[in-house]
PDB file of all heavy atoms in Angstrom:
ATOM      1  N   LEU A   1       0.843  -1.187   0.000  1.00  0.00           N
ATOM      2  CA  LEU A   1       0.000   0.000   0.000  1.00  0.00           C
ATOM      3  C   LEU A   1       0.877   1.236   0.000  1.00  0.00           C
ATOM      4  O   LEU A   1       1.816   1.345   0.790  1.00  0.00           O
ATOM      5  CB  LEU A   1      -0.901  -0.013   1.241  1.00  0.00           C
ATOM      6  CG  LEU A   1      -1.879   1.151   1.431  1.00  0.00           C
ATOM      7  CD1 LEU A   1      -2.945   1.124   0.352  1.00  0.00           C
ATOM      8  CD2 LEU A   1      -2.519   1.067   2.816  1.00  0.00           C
ATOM      9  N   SER A   2       0.603   2.169  -0.904  1.00  0.00           N
ATOM     10  CA  SER A   2       1.381   3.408  -0.951  1.00  0.00           C
ATOM     11  C   SER A   2       0.457   4.553  -1.319  1.00  0.00           C
ATOM     12  O   SER A   2      -0.607   4.364  -1.918  1.00  0.00           O
ATOM     13  CB  SER A   2       2.528   3.296  -1.968  1.00  0.00           C
ATOM     14  OG  SER A   2       2.016   3.074  -3.272  1.00  0.00           O
ATOM     15  N   GLY A   3       0.863   5.760  -0.943  1.00  0.00           N
ATOM     16  CA  GLY A   3       0.045   6.931  -1.245  1.00  0.00           C
ATOM     17  C   GLY A   3       0.683   8.200  -0.731  1.00  0.00           C
ATOM     18  O   GLY A   3       1.765   8.187  -0.139  1.00  0.00           O
ATOM     19  N   ARG A   4      -0.016   9.281  -0.921  1.00  0.00           N
ATOM     20  CA  ARG A   4       0.534  10.578  -0.540  1.00  0.00           C
ATOM     21  C   ARG A   4       0.155  10.977   0.876  1.00  0.00           C
ATOM     22  O   ARG A   4       0.804  11.837   1.486  1.00  0.00           O
ATOM     23  CB  ARG A   4       0.051  11.641  -1.517  1.00  0.00           C
ATOM     24  CG  ARG A   4      -1.456  11.817  -1.564  1.00  0.00           C
ATOM     25  CD  ARG A   4      -1.915  12.597  -2.762  1.00  0.00           C
ATOM     26  NE  ARG A   4      -3.373  12.712  -2.819  1.00  0.00           N
ATOM     27  CZ  ARG A   4      -4.037  13.080  -3.908  1.00  0.00           C
ATOM     28  NH1 ARG A   4      -3.375  13.369  -5.023  1.00  0.00           N
ATOM     29  NH2 ARG A   4      -5.353  13.170  -3.895  1.00  0.00           N
ATOM     30  N   ASN A   5      -0.923  10.359   1.440  1.00  0.00           N
ATOM     31  CA  ASN A   5      -1.378  10.732   2.775  1.00  0.00           C
ATOM     32  C   ASN A   5      -2.278   9.622   3.310  1.00  0.00           C
ATOM     33  O   ASN A   5      -3.275   9.260   2.678  1.00  0.00           O
ATOM     34  CB  ASN A   5      -2.137  12.056   2.722  1.00  0.00           C
ATOM     35  CG  ASN A   5      -2.438  12.614   4.115  1.00  0.00           C
ATOM     36  OD1 ASN A   5      -2.450  11.891   5.114  1.00  0.00           O
ATOM     37  ND2 ASN A   5      -2.694  13.914   4.181  1.00  0.00           N
ATOM     38  N   MET A   6      -1.933   9.048   4.476  1.00  0.00           N
ATOM     39  CA  MET A   6      -2.748   7.974   5.034  1.00  0.00           C
ATOM     40  C   MET A   6      -4.178   8.415   5.333  1.00  0.00           C
ATOM     41  O   MET A   6      -5.107   7.604   5.316  1.00  0.00           O
ATOM     42  CB  MET A   6      -2.099   7.444   6.321  1.00  0.00           C
ATOM     43  CG  MET A   6      -0.907   6.557   6.100  1.00  0.00           C
ATOM     44  SD  MET A   6      -0.396   5.779   7.660  1.00  0.00           S
ATOM     45  CE  MET A   6       1.112   4.965   7.117  1.00  0.00           C
ATOM     46  N   ALA A   7      -4.360   9.682   5.619  1.00  0.00           N
ATOM     47  CA  ALA A   7      -5.708  10.166   5.923  1.00  0.00           C
ATOM     48  C   ALA A   7      -6.648  10.003   4.730  1.00  0.00           C
ATOM     49  O   ALA A   7      -7.868   9.949   4.899  1.00  0.00           O
ATOM     50  CB  ALA A   7      -5.648  11.630   6.354  1.00  0.00           C
ATOM     51  N   ASP A   8      -6.096   9.902   3.518  1.00  0.00           N
ATOM     52  CA  ASP A   8      -6.937   9.716   2.335  1.00  0.00           C
ATOM     53  C   ASP A   8      -7.634   8.360   2.325  1.00  0.00           C
ATOM     54  O   ASP A   8      -8.574   8.158   1.552  1.00  0.00           O
ATOM     55  CB  ASP A   8      -6.089   9.846   1.058  1.00  0.00           C
ATOM     56  CG  ASP A   8      -5.560  11.254   0.854  1.00  0.00           C
ATOM     57  OD1 ASP A   8      -6.133  12.191   1.449  1.00  0.00           O
ATOM     58  OD2 ASP A   8      -4.565  11.417   0.116  1.00  0.00           O
ATOM     59  N   GLN A   9      -7.173   7.422   3.164  1.00  0.00           N
ATOM     60  CA  GLN A   9      -7.756   6.081   3.152  1.00  0.00           C
ATOM     61  C   GLN A   9      -9.032   5.974   3.962  1.00  0.00           C
ATOM     62  O   GLN A   9      -9.694   4.926   3.941  1.00  0.00           O
ATOM     63  CB  GLN A   9      -6.735   5.065   3.703  1.00  0.00           C
ATOM     64  CG  GLN A   9      -5.446   4.998   2.925  1.00  0.00           C
ATOM     65  CD  GLN A   9      -5.695   4.767   1.452  1.00  0.00           C
ATOM     66  OE1 GLN A   9      -6.522   3.947   1.077  1.00  0.00           O
ATOM     67  NE2 GLN A   9      -4.987   5.510   0.618  1.00  0.00           N
ATOM     68  N   TYR A  10      -9.398   7.028   4.663  1.00  0.00           N
ATOM     69  CA  TYR A  10     -10.595   6.937   5.505  1.00  0.00           C
ATOM     70  C   TYR A  10     -11.853   6.547   4.721  1.00  0.00           C
ATOM     71  O   TYR A  10     -12.622   5.685   5.187  1.00  0.00           O
ATOM     72  CB  TYR A  10     -10.827   8.258   6.246  1.00  0.00           C
ATOM     73  CG  TYR A  10     -12.105   8.249   7.067  1.00  0.00           C
ATOM     74  CD1 TYR A  10     -12.169   7.537   8.263  1.00  0.00           C
ATOM     75  CD2 TYR A  10     -13.243   8.917   6.618  1.00  0.00           C
ATOM     76  CE1 TYR A  10     -13.334   7.502   9.013  1.00  0.00           C
ATOM     77  CE2 TYR A  10     -14.416   8.888   7.362  1.00  0.00           C
ATOM     78  CZ  TYR A  10     -14.455   8.175   8.550  1.00  0.00           C
ATOM     79  OH  TYR A  10     -15.618   8.135   9.276  1.00  0.00           O
ATOM     80  N   PRO A  11     -12.118   7.116   3.544  1.00  0.00           N
ATOM     81  CA  PRO A  11     -13.331   6.693   2.819  1.00  0.00           C
ATOM     82  C   PRO A  11     -13.343   5.212   2.472  1.00  0.00           C
ATOM     83  O   PRO A  11     -14.415   4.607   2.347  1.00  0.00           O
ATOM     84  CB  PRO A  11     -13.295   7.561   1.547  1.00  0.00           C
ATOM     85  CG  PRO A  11     -12.489   8.753   1.924  1.00  0.00           C
ATOM     86  CD  PRO A  11     -11.436   8.217   2.848  1.00  0.00           C
ATOM     87  N   LEU A  12     -12.155   4.602   2.298  1.00  0.00           N
ATOM     88  CA  LEU A  12     -12.106   3.183   1.947  1.00  0.00           C
ATOM     89  C   LEU A  12     -12.156   2.277   3.166  1.00  0.00           C
ATOM     90  O   LEU A  12     -12.828   1.240   3.165  1.00  0.00           O
ATOM     91  CB  LEU A  12     -10.822   2.888   1.153  1.00  0.00           C
ATOM     92  CG  LEU A  12     -10.725   3.505  -0.236  1.00  0.00           C
ATOM     93  CD1 LEU A  12      -9.378   3.160  -0.856  1.00  0.00           C
ATOM     94  CD2 LEU A  12     -11.853   2.999  -1.129  1.00  0.00           C
ATOM     95  N   THR A  13     -11.436   2.648   4.230  1.00  0.00           N
ATOM     96  CA  THR A  13     -11.294   1.762   5.386  1.00  0.00           C
ATOM     97  C   THR A  13     -12.217   2.119   6.543  1.00  0.00           C
ATOM     98  O   THR A  13     -12.503   1.250   7.386  1.00  0.00           O
ATOM     99  CB  THR A  13      -9.848   1.796   5.890  1.00  0.00           C
ATOM    100  OG1 THR A  13      -9.542   3.122   6.368  1.00  0.00           O
ATOM    101  CG2 THR A  13      -8.879   1.437   4.775  1.00  0.00           C
ATOM    102  N   GLY A  14     -12.653   3.365   6.618  1.00  0.00           N
ATOM    103  CA  GLY A  14     -13.442   3.792   7.769  1.00  0.00           C
ATOM    104  C   GLY A  14     -12.585   4.054   9.000  1.00  0.00           C
ATOM    105  O   GLY A  14     -13.116   4.307  10.086  1.00  0.00           O
ATOM    106  N   ILE A  15     -11.256   3.993   8.851  1.00  0.00           N
ATOM    107  CA  ILE A  15     -10.343   4.212   9.978  1.00  0.00           C
ATOM    108  C   ILE A  15      -9.757   5.615   9.871  1.00  0.00           C
ATOM    109  O   ILE A  15      -9.121   5.957   8.866  1.00  0.00           O
ATOM    110  CB  ILE A  15      -9.208   3.170   9.979  1.00  0.00           C
ATOM    111  CG1 ILE A  15      -9.789   1.756  10.053  1.00  0.00           C
ATOM    112  CG2 ILE A  15      -8.262   3.410  11.141  1.00  0.00           C
ATOM    113  CD1 ILE A  15      -8.739   0.678   9.906  1.00  0.00           C
ATOM    114  N   ALA A  16      -9.970   6.427  10.895  1.00  0.00           N
ATOM    115  CA  ALA A  16      -9.442   7.794  10.898  1.00  0.00           C
ATOM    116  C   ALA A  16      -7.982   7.769  11.313  1.00  0.00           C
ATOM    117  O   ALA A  16      -7.638   7.268  12.389  1.00  0.00           O
ATOM    118  CB  ALA A  16     -10.252   8.671  11.843  1.00  0.00           C
ATOM    119  N   THR A  17      -7.118   8.277  10.447  1.00  0.00           N
ATOM    120  CA  THR A  17      -5.691   8.371  10.752  1.00  0.00           C
ATOM    121  C   THR A  17      -5.252   9.825  10.607  1.00  0.00           C
ATOM    122  O   THR A  17      -5.885  10.612   9.879  1.00  0.00           O
ATOM    123  CB  THR A  17      -4.860   7.490   9.799  1.00  0.00           C
ATOM    124  OG1 THR A  17      -5.028   7.966   8.463  1.00  0.00           O
ATOM    125  CG2 THR A  17      -5.300   6.036   9.881  1.00  0.00           C
ATOM    126  N   PRO A  18      -4.171  10.207  11.257  1.00  0.00           N
ATOM    127  CA  PRO A  18      -3.673  11.584  11.085  1.00  0.00           C
ATOM    128  C   PRO A  18      -3.068  11.767   9.700  1.00  0.00           C
ATOM    129  O   PRO A  18      -2.794  10.800   8.987  1.00  0.00           O
ATOM    130  CB  PRO A  18      -2.603  11.699  12.183  1.00  0.00           C
ATOM    131  CG  PRO A  18      -2.150  10.287  12.413  1.00  0.00           C
ATOM    132  CD  PRO A  18      -3.365   9.427  12.217  1.00  0.00           C
ATOM    133  N   ASN A  19      -2.875  13.002   9.333  1.00  0.00           N
ATOM    134  CA  ASN A  19      -2.181  13.291   8.089  1.00  0.00           C
ATOM    135  C   ASN A  19      -0.744  12.783   8.175  1.00  0.00           C
ATOM    136  O   ASN A  19      -0.120  12.819   9.238  1.00  0.00           O
ATOM    137  CB  ASN A  19      -2.173  14.794   7.814  1.00  0.00           C
ATOM    138  CG  ASN A  19      -3.550  15.321   7.470  1.00  0.00           C
ATOM    139  OD1 ASN A  19      -4.280  14.690   6.707  1.00  0.00           O
ATOM    140  ND2 ASN A  19      -3.916  16.453   8.050  1.00  0.00           N
ATOM    141  N   THR A  20      -0.236  12.316   7.054  1.00  0.00           N
ATOM    142  CA  THR A  20       1.134  11.810   7.012  1.00  0.00           C
ATOM    143  C   THR A  20       1.804  12.273   5.729  1.00  0.00           C
ATOM    144  O   THR A  20       1.131  12.644   4.758  1.00  0.00           O
ATOM    145  CB  THR A  20       1.166  10.267   7.046  1.00  0.00           C
ATOM    146  OG1 THR A  20       0.630   9.770   5.810  1.00  0.00           O
ATOM    147  CG2 THR A  20       0.375   9.723   8.219  1.00  0.00           C
ATOM    148  N   PRO A  21       3.128  12.228   5.695  1.00  0.00           N
ATOM    149  CA  PRO A  21       3.840  12.405   4.423  1.00  0.00           C
ATOM    150  C   PRO A  21       3.574  11.190   3.532  1.00  0.00           C
ATOM    151  O   PRO A  21       2.972  10.199   3.966  1.00  0.00           O
ATOM    152  CB  PRO A  21       5.312  12.489   4.835  1.00  0.00           C
ATOM    153  CG  PRO A  21       5.321  12.664   6.309  1.00  0.00           C
ATOM    154  CD  PRO A  21       4.060  12.068   6.826  1.00  0.00           C
ATOM    155  N   PRO A  22       4.051  11.221   2.297  1.00  0.00           N
ATOM    156  CA  PRO A  22       3.905  10.046   1.420  1.00  0.00           C
ATOM    157  C   PRO A  22       4.466   8.790   2.088  1.00  0.00           C
ATOM    158  O   PRO A  22       5.471   8.840   2.794  1.00  0.00           O
ATOM    159  CB  PRO A  22       4.697  10.434   0.173  1.00  0.00           C
ATOM    160  CG  PRO A  22       4.610  11.926   0.138  1.00  0.00           C
ATOM    161  CD  PRO A  22       4.648  12.366   1.574  1.00  0.00           C
ATOM    162  N   TYR A  23       3.825   7.676   1.854  1.00  0.00           N
ATOM    163  CA  TYR A  23       4.162   6.444   2.567  1.00  0.00           C
ATOM    164  C   TYR A  23       4.150   5.252   1.615  1.00  0.00           C
ATOM    165  O   TYR A  23       3.570   5.300   0.520  1.00  0.00           O
ATOM    166  CB  TYR A  23       3.144   6.196   3.691  1.00  0.00           C
ATOM    167  CG  TYR A  23       1.741   5.957   3.157  1.00  0.00           C
ATOM    168  CD1 TYR A  23       1.285   4.673   2.895  1.00  0.00           C
ATOM    169  CD2 TYR A  23       0.895   7.028   2.869  1.00  0.00           C
ATOM    170  CE1 TYR A  23       0.021   4.464   2.377  1.00  0.00           C
ATOM    171  CE2 TYR A  23      -0.366   6.824   2.349  1.00  0.00           C
ATOM    172  CZ  TYR A  23      -0.809   5.542   2.109  1.00  0.00           C
ATOM    173  OH  TYR A  23      -2.049   5.340   1.578  1.00  0.00           O
ATOM    174  N   ARG A  24       4.792   4.191   2.060  1.00  0.00           N
ATOM    175  CA  ARG A  24       4.734   2.902   1.374  1.00  0.00           C
ATOM    176  C   ARG A  24       4.910   1.811   2.416  1.00  0.00           C
ATOM    177  O   ARG A  24       5.934   1.778   3.123  1.00  0.00           O
ATOM    178  CB  ARG A  24       5.821   2.786   0.308  1.00  0.00           C
ATOM    179  CG  ARG A  24       5.808   1.443  -0.438  1.00  0.00           C
ATOM    180  CD  ARG A  24       6.918   1.392  -1.480  1.00  0.00           C
ATOM    181  NE  ARG A  24       6.943   0.099  -2.164  1.00  0.00           N
ATOM    182  CZ  ARG A  24       6.215  -0.185  -3.239  1.00  0.00           C
ATOM    183  NH1 ARG A  24       5.401   0.733  -3.746  1.00  0.00           N
ATOM    184  NH2 ARG A  24       6.303  -1.376  -3.795  1.00  0.00           N
ATOM    185  N   LEU A  25       3.927   0.883   2.515  1.00  0.00           N
ATOM    186  CA  LEU A  25       3.936  -0.182   3.501  1.00  0.00           C
ATOM    187  C   LEU A  25       3.621  -1.510   2.821  1.00  0.00           C
ATOM    188  O   LEU A  25       2.850  -1.561   1.853  1.00  0.00           O
ATOM    189  CB  LEU A  25       2.909   0.079   4.607  1.00  0.00           C
ATOM    190  CG  LEU A  25       3.040   1.397   5.388  1.00  0.00           C
ATOM    191  CD1 LEU A  25       1.846   1.585   6.311  1.00  0.00           C
ATOM    192  CD2 LEU A  25       4.341   1.418   6.190  1.00  0.00           C
ATOM    193  N   ALA A  26       4.197  -2.585   3.344  1.00  0.00           N
ATOM    194  CA  ALA A  26       3.928  -3.921   2.818  1.00  0.00           C
ATOM    195  C   ALA A  26       3.857  -4.894   3.986  1.00  0.00           C
ATOM    196  O   ALA A  26       4.669  -4.834   4.920  1.00  0.00           O
ATOM    197  CB  ALA A  26       5.019  -4.355   1.836  1.00  0.00           C
ATOM    198  N   GLY A  27       2.867  -5.801   3.935  1.00  0.00           N
ATOM    199  CA  GLY A  27       2.710  -6.769   5.010  1.00  0.00           C
ATOM    200  C   GLY A  27       1.669  -7.814   4.653  1.00  0.00           C
ATOM    201  O   GLY A  27       1.253  -7.947   3.495  1.00  0.00           O
ATOM    202  N   ALA A  28       1.247  -8.562   5.672  1.00  0.00           N
ATOM    203  CA  ALA A  28       0.286  -9.658   5.489  1.00  0.00           C
ATOM    204  C   ALA A  28      -1.086  -9.201   5.958  1.00  0.00           C
ATOM    205  O   ALA A  28      -1.290  -8.922   7.147  1.00  0.00           O
ATOM    206  CB  ALA A  28       0.728 -10.889   6.271  1.00  0.00           C
ATOM    207  N   LEU A  29      -2.025  -9.130   5.028  1.00  0.00           N
ATOM    208  CA  LEU A  29      -3.397  -8.742   5.334  1.00  0.00           C
ATOM    209  C   LEU A  29      -4.267  -9.985   5.415  1.00  0.00           C
ATOM    210  O   LEU A  29      -4.203 -10.863   4.544  1.00  0.00           O
ATOM    211  CB  LEU A  29      -3.930  -7.798   4.248  1.00  0.00           C
ATOM    212  CG  LEU A  29      -5.397  -7.374   4.400  1.00  0.00           C
ATOM    213  CD1 LEU A  29      -5.550  -6.429   5.591  1.00  0.00           C
ATOM    214  CD2 LEU A  29      -5.902  -6.711   3.120  1.00  0.00           C
ATOM    215  N   SER A  30      -5.091 -10.076   6.454  1.00  0.00           N
ATOM    216  CA  SER A  30      -6.007 -11.205   6.579  1.00  0.00           C
ATOM    217  C   SER A  30      -7.335 -10.722   7.139  1.00  0.00           C
ATOM    218  O   SER A  30      -7.406  -9.705   7.843  1.00  0.00           O
ATOM    219  CB  SER A  30      -5.417 -12.296   7.481  1.00  0.00           C
ATOM    220  OG  SER A  30      -5.241 -11.829   8.799  1.00  0.00           O
ATOM    221  N   ARG A  31      -8.379 -11.481   6.806  1.00  0.00           N
ATOM    222  CA  ARG A  31      -9.702 -11.171   7.323  1.00  0.00           C
ATOM    223  C   ARG A  31     -10.325 -12.437   7.890  1.00  0.00           C
ATOM    224  O   ARG A  31     -10.266 -13.500   7.281  1.00  0.00           O
ATOM    225  CB  ARG A  31     -10.610 -10.609   6.228  1.00  0.00           C
ATOM    226  CG  ARG A  31     -12.012 -10.315   6.740  1.00  0.00           C
ATOM    227  CD  ARG A  31     -12.940  -9.781   5.684  1.00  0.00           C
ATOM    228  NE  ARG A  31     -14.231  -9.434   6.281  1.00  0.00           N
ATOM    229  CZ  ARG A  31     -15.278  -8.974   5.598  1.00  0.00           C
ATOM    230  NH1 ARG A  31     -15.201  -8.812   4.281  1.00  0.00           N
ATOM    231  NH2 ARG A  31     -16.407  -8.688   6.223  1.00  0.00           N
ATOM    232  N   ASP A  32     -10.920 -12.314   9.070  1.00  0.00           N
ATOM    233  CA  ASP A  32     -11.682 -13.390   9.698  1.00  0.00           C
ATOM    234  C   ASP A  32     -12.992 -12.788  10.181  1.00  0.00           C
ATOM    235  O   ASP A  32     -13.097 -12.295  11.298  1.00  0.00           O
ATOM    236  CB  ASP A  32     -10.892 -14.006  10.853  1.00  0.00           C
ATOM    237  CG  ASP A  32     -11.572 -15.235  11.435  1.00  0.00           C
ATOM    238  OD1 ASP A  32     -12.655 -15.602  10.943  1.00  0.00           O
ATOM    239  OD2 ASP A  32     -11.027 -15.831  12.376  1.00  0.00           O
ATOM    240  N   ASP A  33     -13.990 -12.802   9.287  1.00  0.00           N
ATOM    241  CA  ASP A  33     -15.278 -12.156   9.547  1.00  0.00           C
ATOM    242  C   ASP A  33     -15.066 -10.669   9.824  1.00  0.00           C
ATOM    243  O   ASP A  33     -14.618  -9.947   8.951  1.00  0.00           O
ATOM    244  CB  ASP A  33     -16.022 -12.852  10.684  1.00  0.00           C
ATOM    245  CG  ASP A  33     -16.569 -14.213  10.244  1.00  0.00           C
ATOM    246  OD1 ASP A  33     -16.807 -14.391   9.030  1.00  0.00           O
ATOM    247  OD2 ASP A  33     -16.745 -15.098  11.104  1.00  0.00           O
ATOM    248  N   ASP A  34     -15.343 -10.199  11.051  1.00  0.00           N
ATOM    249  CA  ASP A  34     -15.258  -8.771  11.348  1.00  0.00           C
ATOM    250  C   ASP A  34     -13.859  -8.325  11.763  1.00  0.00           C
ATOM    251  O   ASP A  34     -13.646  -7.157  12.063  1.00  0.00           O
ATOM    252  CB  ASP A  34     -16.244  -8.414  12.476  1.00  0.00           C
ATOM    253  CG  ASP A  34     -17.685  -8.459  12.003  1.00  0.00           C
ATOM    254  OD1 ASP A  34     -17.913  -8.294  10.796  1.00  0.00           O
ATOM    255  OD2 ASP A  34     -18.585  -8.666  12.851  1.00  0.00           O
ATOM    256  N   ARG A  35     -12.920  -9.247  11.816  1.00  0.00           N
ATOM    257  CA  ARG A  35     -11.578  -8.894  12.277  1.00  0.00           C
ATOM    258  C   ARG A  35     -10.618  -8.825  11.088  1.00  0.00           C
ATOM    259  O   ARG A  35     -10.455  -9.783  10.340  1.00  0.00           O
ATOM    260  CB  ARG A  35     -11.075  -9.918  13.298  1.00  0.00           C
ATOM    261  CG  ARG A  35      -9.655  -9.663  13.778  1.00  0.00           C
ATOM    262  CD  ARG A  35      -9.266 -10.631  14.852  1.00  0.00           C
ATOM    263  NE  ARG A  35     -10.100 -10.462  16.050  1.00  0.00           N
ATOM    264  CZ  ARG A  35     -10.048 -11.249  17.117  1.00  0.00           C
ATOM    265  NH1 ARG A  35      -9.200 -12.262  17.150  1.00  0.00           N
ATOM    266  NH2 ARG A  35     -10.835 -11.023  18.152  1.00  0.00           N
ATOM    267  N   TRP A  36      -9.963  -7.678  10.944  1.00  0.00           N
ATOM    268  CA  TRP A  36      -8.949  -7.463   9.915  1.00  0.00           C
ATOM    269  C   TRP A  36      -7.594  -7.307  10.598  1.00  0.00           C
ATOM    270  O   TRP A  36      -7.477  -6.616  11.623  1.00  0.00           O
ATOM    271  CB  TRP A  36      -9.248  -6.199   9.110  1.00  0.00           C
ATOM    272  CG  TRP A  36     -10.498  -6.267   8.284  1.00  0.00           C
ATOM    273  CD1 TRP A  36     -11.781  -6.164   8.738  1.00  0.00           C
ATOM    274  CD2 TRP A  36     -10.576  -6.421   6.882  1.00  0.00           C
ATOM    275  NE1 TRP A  36     -12.664  -6.257   7.695  1.00  0.00           N
ATOM    276  CE2 TRP A  36     -11.956  -6.413   6.535  1.00  0.00           C
ATOM    277  CE3 TRP A  36      -9.638  -6.562   5.871  1.00  0.00           C
ATOM    278  CZ2 TRP A  36     -12.390  -6.535   5.230  1.00  0.00           C
ATOM    279  CZ3 TRP A  36     -10.071  -6.687   4.562  1.00  0.00           C
ATOM    280  CH2 TRP A  36     -11.429  -6.680   4.253  1.00  0.00           C
ATOM    281  N   THR A  37      -6.573  -7.928  10.017  1.00  0.00           N
ATOM    282  CA  THR A  37      -5.230  -7.848  10.576  1.00  0.00           C
ATOM    283  C   THR A  37      -4.229  -7.515   9.473  1.00  0.00           C
ATOM    284  O   THR A  37      -4.235  -8.143   8.415  1.00  0.00           O
ATOM    285  CB  THR A  37      -4.823  -9.178  11.241  1.00  0.00           C
ATOM    286  OG1 THR A  37      -5.796  -9.515  12.240  1.00  0.00           O
ATOM    287  CG2 THR A  37      -3.466  -9.060  11.893  1.00  0.00           C
ATOM    288  N   PHE A  38      -3.406  -6.513   9.746  1.00  0.00           N
ATOM    289  CA  PHE A  38      -2.292  -6.162   8.864  1.00  0.00           C
ATOM    290  C   PHE A  38      -1.032  -6.406   9.683  1.00  0.00           C
ATOM    291  O   PHE A  38      -0.634  -5.575  10.499  1.00  0.00           O
ATOM    292  CB  PHE A  38      -2.408  -4.709   8.417  1.00  0.00           C
ATOM    293  CG  PHE A  38      -1.445  -4.315   7.329  1.00  0.00           C
ATOM    294  CD1 PHE A  38      -1.063  -5.205   6.338  1.00  0.00           C
ATOM    295  CD2 PHE A  38      -0.908  -3.035   7.288  1.00  0.00           C
ATOM    296  CE1 PHE A  38      -0.170  -4.840   5.337  1.00  0.00           C
ATOM    297  CE2 PHE A  38      -0.028  -2.652   6.290  1.00  0.00           C
ATOM    298  CZ  PHE A  38       0.339  -3.564   5.317  1.00  0.00           C
ATOM    299  N   ALA A  39      -0.421  -7.586   9.488  1.00  0.00           N
ATOM    300  CA  ALA A  39       0.625  -8.061  10.391  1.00  0.00           C
ATOM    301  C   ALA A  39       2.001  -7.993   9.737  1.00  0.00           C
ATOM    302  O   ALA A  39       2.145  -8.122   8.525  1.00  0.00           O
ATOM    303  CB  ALA A  39       0.326  -9.499  10.829  1.00  0.00           C
ATOM    304  N   ASP A  40       2.994  -7.806  10.605  1.00  0.00           N
ATOM    305  CA  ASP A  40       4.400  -7.829  10.181  1.00  0.00           C
ATOM    306  C   ASP A  40       4.661  -6.887   9.008  1.00  0.00           C
ATOM    307  O   ASP A  40       5.449  -7.198   8.107  1.00  0.00           O
ATOM    308  CB  ASP A  40       4.819  -9.252   9.793  1.00  0.00           C
ATOM    309  CG  ASP A  40       4.755 -10.210  10.973  1.00  0.00           C
ATOM    310  OD1 ASP A  40       5.019  -9.767  12.098  1.00  0.00           O
ATOM    311  OD2 ASP A  40       4.420 -11.393  10.753  1.00  0.00           O
ATOM    312  N   PHE A  41       4.032  -5.728   9.021  1.00  0.00           N
ATOM    313  CA  PHE A  41       4.268  -4.803   7.906  1.00  0.00           C
ATOM    314  C   PHE A  41       5.519  -3.974   8.165  1.00  0.00           C
ATOM    315  O   PHE A  41       5.905  -3.708   9.306  1.00  0.00           O
ATOM    316  CB  PHE A  41       3.047  -3.908   7.671  1.00  0.00           C
ATOM    317  CG  PHE A  41       2.764  -2.909   8.754  1.00  0.00           C
ATOM    318  CD1 PHE A  41       3.445  -1.704   8.820  1.00  0.00           C
ATOM    319  CD2 PHE A  41       1.788  -3.172   9.716  1.00  0.00           C
ATOM    320  CE1 PHE A  41       3.173  -0.774   9.811  1.00  0.00           C
ATOM    321  CE2 PHE A  41       1.510  -2.252  10.704  1.00  0.00           C
ATOM    322  CZ  PHE A  41       2.202  -1.056  10.759  1.00  0.00           C
ATOM    323  N   THR A  42       6.137  -3.585   7.085  1.00  0.00           N
ATOM    324  CA  THR A  42       7.315  -2.731   7.142  1.00  0.00           C
ATOM    325  C   THR A  42       7.196  -1.701   6.028  1.00  0.00           C
ATOM    326  O   THR A  42       6.474  -1.905   5.049  1.00  0.00           O
ATOM    327  CB  THR A  42       8.614  -3.530   6.943  1.00  0.00           C
ATOM    328  OG1 THR A  42       8.581  -4.191   5.671  1.00  0.00           O
ATOM    329  CG2 THR A  42       8.796  -4.561   8.053  1.00  0.00           C
ATOM    330  N   GLY A  43       7.934  -0.598   6.171  1.00  0.00           N
ATOM    331  CA  GLY A  43       7.918   0.405   5.125  1.00  0.00           C
ATOM    332  C   GLY A  43       8.403   1.744   5.630  1.00  0.00           C
ATOM    333  O   GLY A  43       9.075   1.834   6.668  1.00  0.00           O
ATOM    334  N   ARG A  44       8.009   2.773   4.905  1.00  0.00           N
ATOM    335  CA  ARG A  44       8.460   4.114   5.229  1.00  0.00           C
ATOM    336  C   ARG A  44       7.289   5.082   5.177  1.00  0.00           C
ATOM    337  O   ARG A  44       6.367   4.928   4.366  1.00  0.00           O
ATOM    338  CB  ARG A  44       9.561   4.567   4.282  1.00  0.00           C
ATOM    339  CG  ARG A  44      10.769   3.637   4.224  1.00  0.00           C
ATOM    340  CD  ARG A  44      11.941   4.298   3.545  1.00  0.00           C
ATOM    341  NE  ARG A  44      12.504   5.388   4.353  1.00  0.00           N
ATOM    342  CZ  ARG A  44      13.352   5.194   5.354  1.00  0.00           C
ATOM    343  NH1 ARG A  44      13.732   3.972   5.696  1.00  0.00           N
ATOM    344  NH2 ARG A  44      13.832   6.226   6.024  1.00  0.00           N
ATOM    345  N   VAL A  45       7.347   6.049   6.063  1.00  0.00           N
ATOM    346  CA  VAL A  45       6.412   7.175   6.071  1.00  0.00           C
ATOM    347  C   VAL A  45       7.254   8.432   6.022  1.00  0.00           C
ATOM    348  O   VAL A  45       7.937   8.774   7.010  1.00  0.00           O
ATOM    349  CB  VAL A  45       5.506   7.158   7.323  1.00  0.00           C
ATOM    350  CG1 VAL A  45       4.570   8.361   7.302  1.00  0.00           C
ATOM    351  CG2 VAL A  45       4.702   5.868   7.389  1.00  0.00           C
TER     352      VAL A  45
END
């Protein structure tokens, strides 16, 4: 996942995050019904 500002993801994820510089993250995404996990991610902000 990469972008210019993490706050832009709120319409997609419903999670409010603060404004950030451009970022790039990579990790393991999983879903188990209502539980979402983004584990062991690494990257830069």
